[in-house]
Amino acid sequence: MGFLSKLFGGSAGVRLVKTYSQQKANPLGQKFTCHYEIYRARTAQEAREFLEAKTVTEPCTYVVIETPEGNWGKDKSGVYKENSQP
């Protein structure tokens, strides 16, 4: 656990921006719904600390944190850094 988490009981610089759900279809045309929580943090370190404390157990559920150093996320498979290439 990082310094901010110990001091404030969580990542003080992480704030919720929006939540939404989006319906998608697989190549066979079967529809499913993905759920997103979008946050913003001042640093990548704050984002990683916040994500380590979050639990994601459902498929197609994503927690994404936007930072100046790039976006970090967490899904059922764990924490990842989004690819910034177009």
N, C-alpha and C. Protein backbone atom coordinates (compact mmCIF):
# COMPACT_ATOMS: atom_id res chain seq x y z
N MET A 1 0.85 -1.18 0.00
CA MET A 1 0.00 0.00 0.00
C MET A 1 0.89 1.24 0.00
N GLY A 2 0.57 2.21 -0.81
CA GLY A 2 1.39 3.40 -0.93
C GLY A 2 1.13 4.43 0.15
N PHE A 3 1.94 5.45 0.14
CA PHE A 3 1.86 6.52 1.14
C PHE A 3 0.47 7.17 1.18
N LEU A 4 -0.09 7.52 0.01
CA LEU A 4 -1.39 8.19 -0.02
C LEU A 4 -2.49 7.29 0.54
N SER A 5 -2.43 6.01 0.21
CA SER A 5 -3.44 5.08 0.71
C SER A 5 -3.37 4.98 2.23
N LYS A 6 -2.18 4.94 2.76
CA LYS A 6 -2.02 4.86 4.21
C LYS A 6 -2.49 6.14 4.88
N LEU A 7 -2.18 7.28 4.30
CA LEU A 7 -2.51 8.56 4.89
C LEU A 7 -4.00 8.88 4.82
N PHE A 8 -4.62 8.61 3.67
CA PHE A 8 -6.01 9.01 3.45
C PHE A 8 -6.98 7.84 3.38
N GLY A 9 -6.50 6.62 3.48
CA GLY A 9 -7.41 5.47 3.40
C GLY A 9 -7.84 5.19 1.98
N GLY A 10 -7.11 5.62 1.01
CA GLY A 10 -7.41 5.42 -0.40
C GLY A 10 -6.57 6.37 -1.21
N SER A 11 -6.69 6.32 -2.52
CA SER A 11 -5.93 7.24 -3.38
C SER A 11 -6.68 8.55 -3.46
N ALA A 12 -6.19 9.55 -2.75
CA ALA A 12 -6.89 10.83 -2.60
C ALA A 12 -7.07 11.55 -3.93
N GLY A 13 -6.17 11.35 -4.89
CA GLY A 13 -6.24 12.08 -6.14
C GLY A 13 -7.07 11.40 -7.22
N VAL A 14 -7.72 10.29 -6.92
CA VAL A 14 -8.52 9.58 -7.91
C VAL A 14 -9.97 9.98 -7.75
N ARG A 15 -10.58 10.44 -8.86
CA ARG A 15 -11.99 10.84 -8.79
C ARG A 15 -12.77 10.24 -9.96
N LEU A 16 -14.01 9.91 -9.67
CA LEU A 16 -14.89 9.32 -10.67
C LEU A 16 -15.29 10.37 -11.70
N VAL A 17 -15.19 10.01 -12.98
CA VAL A 17 -15.59 10.90 -14.07
C VAL A 17 -16.97 10.49 -14.58
N LYS A 18 -17.15 9.19 -14.88
CA LYS A 18 -18.45 8.72 -15.36
C LYS A 18 -18.51 7.20 -15.31
N THR A 19 -19.72 6.69 -15.34
CA THR A 19 -19.96 5.26 -15.50
C THR A 19 -20.95 5.09 -16.65
N TYR A 20 -20.79 4.02 -17.40
CA TYR A 20 -21.73 3.75 -18.47
C TYR A 20 -21.67 2.29 -18.88
N SER A 21 -22.68 1.85 -19.60
CA SER A 21 -22.74 0.50 -20.15
C SER A 21 -22.90 0.62 -21.65
N GLN A 22 -22.33 -0.34 -22.36
CA GLN A 22 -22.36 -0.31 -23.82
C GLN A 22 -22.67 -1.71 -24.33
N GLN A 23 -23.65 -1.81 -25.21
CA GLN A 23 -23.99 -3.10 -25.79
C GLN A 23 -23.09 -3.37 -26.98
N LYS A 24 -22.56 -4.58 -27.06
CA LYS A 24 -21.68 -4.98 -28.15
C LYS A 24 -22.17 -6.31 -28.70
N ALA A 25 -21.58 -6.72 -29.82
CA ALA A 25 -21.92 -8.01 -30.42
C ALA A 25 -20.64 -8.74 -30.78
N ASN A 26 -20.64 -10.04 -30.59
CA ASN A 26 -19.48 -10.83 -31.00
C ASN A 26 -19.59 -11.17 -32.48
N PRO A 27 -18.60 -11.81 -33.08
CA PRO A 27 -18.64 -12.10 -34.53
C PRO A 27 -19.84 -12.96 -34.95
N LEU A 28 -20.44 -13.68 -34.02
CA LEU A 28 -21.62 -14.49 -34.35
C LEU A 28 -22.92 -13.71 -34.21
N GLY A 29 -22.81 -12.44 -33.82
CA GLY A 29 -23.99 -11.60 -33.68
C GLY A 29 -24.65 -11.67 -32.31
N GLN A 30 -24.08 -12.42 -31.39
CA GLN A 30 -24.64 -12.50 -30.04
C GLN A 30 -24.33 -11.21 -29.31
N LYS A 31 -25.36 -10.64 -28.67
CA LYS A 31 -25.18 -9.36 -27.98
C LYS A 31 -24.83 -9.58 -26.51
N PHE A 32 -24.03 -8.65 -25.98
CA PHE A 32 -23.66 -8.65 -24.57
C PHE A 32 -23.42 -7.21 -24.15
N THR A 33 -23.42 -6.96 -22.86
CA THR A 33 -23.25 -5.61 -22.35
C THR A 33 -21.96 -5.50 -21.55
N CYS A 34 -21.17 -4.47 -21.85
CA CYS A 34 -19.95 -4.18 -21.10
C CYS A 34 -20.21 -2.97 -20.20
N HIS A 35 -19.60 -3.01 -19.01
CA HIS A 35 -19.78 -1.95 -18.02
C HIS A 35 -18.44 -1.26 -17.78
N TYR A 36 -18.47 0.07 -17.71
CA TYR A 36 -17.25 0.86 -17.58
C TYR A 36 -17.38 1.84 -16.41
N GLU A 37 -16.30 1.99 -15.65
CA GLU A 37 -16.14 3.04 -14.65
C GLU A 37 -14.90 3.82 -15.07
N ILE A 38 -15.06 5.10 -15.33
CA ILE A 38 -13.95 5.93 -15.77
C ILE A 38 -13.58 6.91 -14.65
N TYR A 39 -12.31 6.91 -14.29
CA TYR A 39 -11.79 7.78 -13.23
C TYR A 39 -10.66 8.63 -13.81
N ARG A 40 -10.24 9.63 -13.05
CA ARG A 40 -9.09 10.45 -13.41
C ARG A 40 -8.19 10.55 -12.18
N ALA A 41 -6.87 10.46 -12.39
CA ALA A 41 -5.89 10.56 -11.30
C ALA A 41 -4.77 11.50 -11.72
N ARG A 42 -4.08 12.03 -10.74
CA ARG A 42 -2.97 12.96 -11.01
C ARG A 42 -1.72 12.23 -11.49
N THR A 43 -1.53 10.99 -11.02
CA THR A 43 -0.32 10.24 -11.39
C THR A 43 -0.66 8.79 -11.67
N ALA A 44 0.23 8.13 -12.40
CA ALA A 44 0.08 6.70 -12.67
C ALA A 44 0.19 5.90 -11.38
N GLN A 45 1.03 6.34 -10.45
CA GLN A 45 1.18 5.65 -9.17
C GLN A 45 -0.14 5.65 -8.40
N GLU A 46 -0.83 6.78 -8.36
CA GLU A 46 -2.15 6.83 -7.70
C GLU A 46 -3.12 5.88 -8.39
N ALA A 47 -3.08 5.85 -9.71
CA ALA A 47 -3.98 4.98 -10.46
C ALA A 47 -3.72 3.51 -10.13
N ARG A 48 -2.46 3.10 -10.12
CA ARG A 48 -2.13 1.70 -9.83
C ARG A 48 -2.54 1.31 -8.42
N GLU A 49 -2.30 2.19 -7.46
CA GLU A 49 -2.69 1.91 -6.07
C GLU A 49 -4.21 1.74 -5.96
N PHE A 50 -4.95 2.62 -6.63
CA PHE A 50 -6.40 2.55 -6.62
C PHE A 50 -6.89 1.24 -7.25
N LEU A 51 -6.31 0.89 -8.39
CA LEU A 51 -6.73 -0.32 -9.09
C LEU A 51 -6.40 -1.58 -8.30
N GLU A 52 -5.28 -1.60 -7.61
CA GLU A 52 -4.93 -2.78 -6.79
C GLU A 52 -5.96 -3.03 -5.70
N ALA A 53 -6.60 -1.96 -5.22
CA ALA A 53 -7.60 -2.09 -4.16
C ALA A 53 -8.99 -2.43 -4.70
N LYS A 54 -9.21 -2.26 -6.00
CA LYS A 54 -10.51 -2.54 -6.63
C LYS A 54 -10.63 -4.02 -6.95
N THR A 55 -11.84 -4.56 -6.81
CA THR A 55 -12.10 -5.95 -7.17
C THR A 55 -13.00 -5.98 -8.40
N VAL A 56 -12.56 -6.69 -9.44
CA VAL A 56 -13.36 -6.88 -10.64
C VAL A 56 -13.48 -8.38 -10.86
N THR A 57 -14.69 -8.90 -10.76
CA THR A 57 -14.90 -10.35 -10.90
C THR A 57 -15.78 -10.73 -12.08
N GLU A 58 -16.49 -9.78 -12.62
CA GLU A 58 -17.42 -10.06 -13.72
C GLU A 58 -16.75 -9.84 -15.07
N PRO A 59 -17.04 -10.71 -16.04
CA PRO A 59 -16.50 -10.49 -17.39
C PRO A 59 -17.11 -9.22 -17.99
N CYS A 60 -16.38 -8.60 -18.86
CA CYS A 60 -16.82 -7.40 -19.58
C CYS A 60 -17.13 -6.23 -18.64
N THR A 61 -16.36 -6.15 -17.55
CA THR A 61 -16.44 -5.03 -16.62
C THR A 61 -15.04 -4.41 -16.57
N TYR A 62 -14.98 -3.10 -16.77
CA TYR A 62 -13.69 -2.42 -16.88
C TYR A 62 -13.66 -1.18 -15.99
N VAL A 63 -12.57 -1.02 -15.25
CA VAL A 63 -12.31 0.18 -14.46
C VAL A 63 -11.11 0.84 -15.13
N VAL A 64 -11.27 2.07 -15.61
CA VAL A 64 -10.21 2.76 -16.35
C VAL A 64 -9.89 4.07 -15.63
N ILE A 65 -8.60 4.35 -15.47
CA ILE A 65 -8.17 5.59 -14.85
C ILE A 65 -7.28 6.35 -15.83
N GLU A 66 -7.70 7.56 -16.17
CA GLU A 66 -6.94 8.43 -17.06
C GLU A 66 -5.91 9.19 -16.24
N THR A 67 -4.64 9.17 -16.68
CA THR A 67 -3.57 9.93 -16.02
C THR A 67 -2.76 10.66 -17.08
N PRO A 68 -1.99 11.66 -16.69
CA PRO A 68 -1.13 12.34 -17.66
C PRO A 68 -0.11 11.40 -18.30
N GLU A 69 0.25 10.31 -17.62
CA GLU A 69 1.23 9.35 -18.15
C GLU A 69 0.58 8.24 -18.97
N GLY A 70 -0.71 8.30 -19.19
CA GLY A 70 -1.42 7.27 -19.94
C GLY A 70 -2.53 6.66 -19.10
N ASN A 71 -3.36 5.85 -19.73
CA ASN A 71 -4.50 5.25 -19.05
C ASN A 71 -4.15 3.88 -18.50
N TRP A 72 -4.63 3.61 -17.28
CA TRP A 72 -4.48 2.32 -16.62
C TRP A 72 -5.86 1.74 -16.42
N GLY A 73 -5.95 0.43 -16.43
CA GLY A 73 -7.24 -0.20 -16.26
C GLY A 73 -7.16 -1.50 -15.49
N LYS A 74 -8.34 -2.01 -15.16
CA LYS A 74 -8.43 -3.31 -14.51
C LYS A 74 -9.68 -4.00 -15.01
N ASP A 75 -9.53 -5.28 -15.34
CA ASP A 75 -10.67 -6.11 -15.69
C ASP A 75 -10.52 -7.41 -14.92
N LYS A 76 -11.30 -8.41 -15.27
CA LYS A 76 -11.27 -9.69 -14.57
C LYS A 76 -9.88 -10.33 -14.59
N SER A 77 -9.07 -10.02 -15.59
CA SER A 77 -7.73 -10.60 -15.73
C SER A 77 -6.68 -9.86 -14.91
N GLY A 78 -6.96 -8.64 -14.46
CA GLY A 78 -6.00 -7.90 -13.65
C GLY A 78 -5.75 -6.49 -14.16
N VAL A 79 -4.69 -5.87 -13.64
CA VAL A 79 -4.33 -4.48 -13.97
C VAL A 79 -3.53 -4.46 -15.27
N TYR A 80 -3.79 -3.44 -16.09
CA TYR A 80 -3.07 -3.29 -17.36
C TYR A 80 -2.91 -1.81 -17.68
N LYS A 81 -1.95 -1.49 -18.54
CA LYS A 81 -1.78 -0.14 -19.09
C LYS A 81 -2.29 -0.17 -20.52
N GLU A 82 -3.18 0.77 -20.85
CA GLU A 82 -3.71 0.81 -22.21
C GLU A 82 -2.63 1.16 -23.20
N ASN A 83 -2.69 0.58 -24.38
CA ASN A 83 -1.76 0.87 -25.45
C ASN A 83 -2.08 2.26 -26.00
N SER A 84 -1.07 3.13 -26.07
CA SER A 84 -1.30 4.50 -26.52
C SER A 84 -1.08 4.70 -28.02
N GLN A 85 -0.74 3.62 -28.73
CA GLN A 85 -0.52 3.73 -30.17
C GLN A 85 -1.86 3.75 -30.89
N PRO A 86 -1.95 4.51 -32.00
CA PRO A 86 -3.22 4.59 -32.76
C PRO A 86 -3.57 3.28 -33.42
